[in-house]
């Protein structure tokens, strides 16, 4: 790299951006990939051919048009969106989180969320130049009610992110505490239900009680992680403001058609989710019998475990061909923790054997 390149980089890029690390994706070639909470099931072969024909007929020479409204309507029906609410699409939930920060960037605005949590809440705030307040969970990864309410009173956040269930801890928080947070919030509360297909509860049944709550979901855990479709439901006046900062044509015609196709066959994906939930129970039972491992309850397609030495276990599992996520350095509360994605029965068997051998 030339000295001129270095000079220009230092001069034109924000100092905080220069000090950041890009979102890292672990190399996974040749490994059992259980690090990213993906649905392990491929589209059935008979549907692959039909989807291929469908995508082949899409007018990729045209910008996305009215077909996106068809997708919005299909997602609204799938999610049972209440009357008086609207829906906005994103290129994954990540884009929606960024759009919220962009739309709410007024003088003195800030964003608040429990930590450890999804890294994009803090990153979107930082990239938009907003203050981010992370409120630590308890040692057992529950919401600290007193700390959350004190932080809300002190910082008066424009946006509060509540993951339901949380990532990477995989648990659902106490509903009564969530309601107190929602009632105390001076601005938006965004309930992130990325893992809803595997959860025993949804906030959707309560969203009508409040006029300042947005519900965010994704089709990634539904089984379309590669398609990148996120969506957010909320009162029409609030969704309209977020929609104003959405880039034009942010969802491609191919992604749109793939999502519509999947929703037309949602029973296939519902069966996959049932299998993943059953596999999660089997893995939890096996982990409970494993010496040296503490596993937390999960309402997602992942399980958080604490082991004697997370780095050693992670490297040992990788050497045995299984890739999981070492989250031990994400936050002090996650010391010596690994996040295990639930895969197929065969993948889970290999994961458990590798973990046991690597402790």
Foldseek 3Di string as FASTA:
>chain_A
DDPVVVVCCVPPDDPVVVVDDDDDDDDAPQFLEFADQFLQDDDDPVVVVVLVVVLVPDPQVDFDDCLVVVLQVLVCVVVVFDPQKGKDKALAVLRLLLLVLVLPPDPLAAEEEEPPFDPSNVVSCVVSVHHYYYFYAPLLRERPLVSLLVCCVVRLHQEYEAEQPTPPAQDGYDPVSVVVNVVSRPHAYEYEDQFVLQAPDDCSVVQVVDQRYKYKYACRSLRPVVLRMIMIMHRPVVVVSSNVPDDPSNHGPSSSSVSVSCSVVSVVSSVSSVQLNVLVVVLVVLQVPQPQKDWHDHSGQKIKIAGPAQVQLQVQLVVLRHHHARCCPVDVSSNRMTIGGRYHPVSSVSNSVSNSVRD
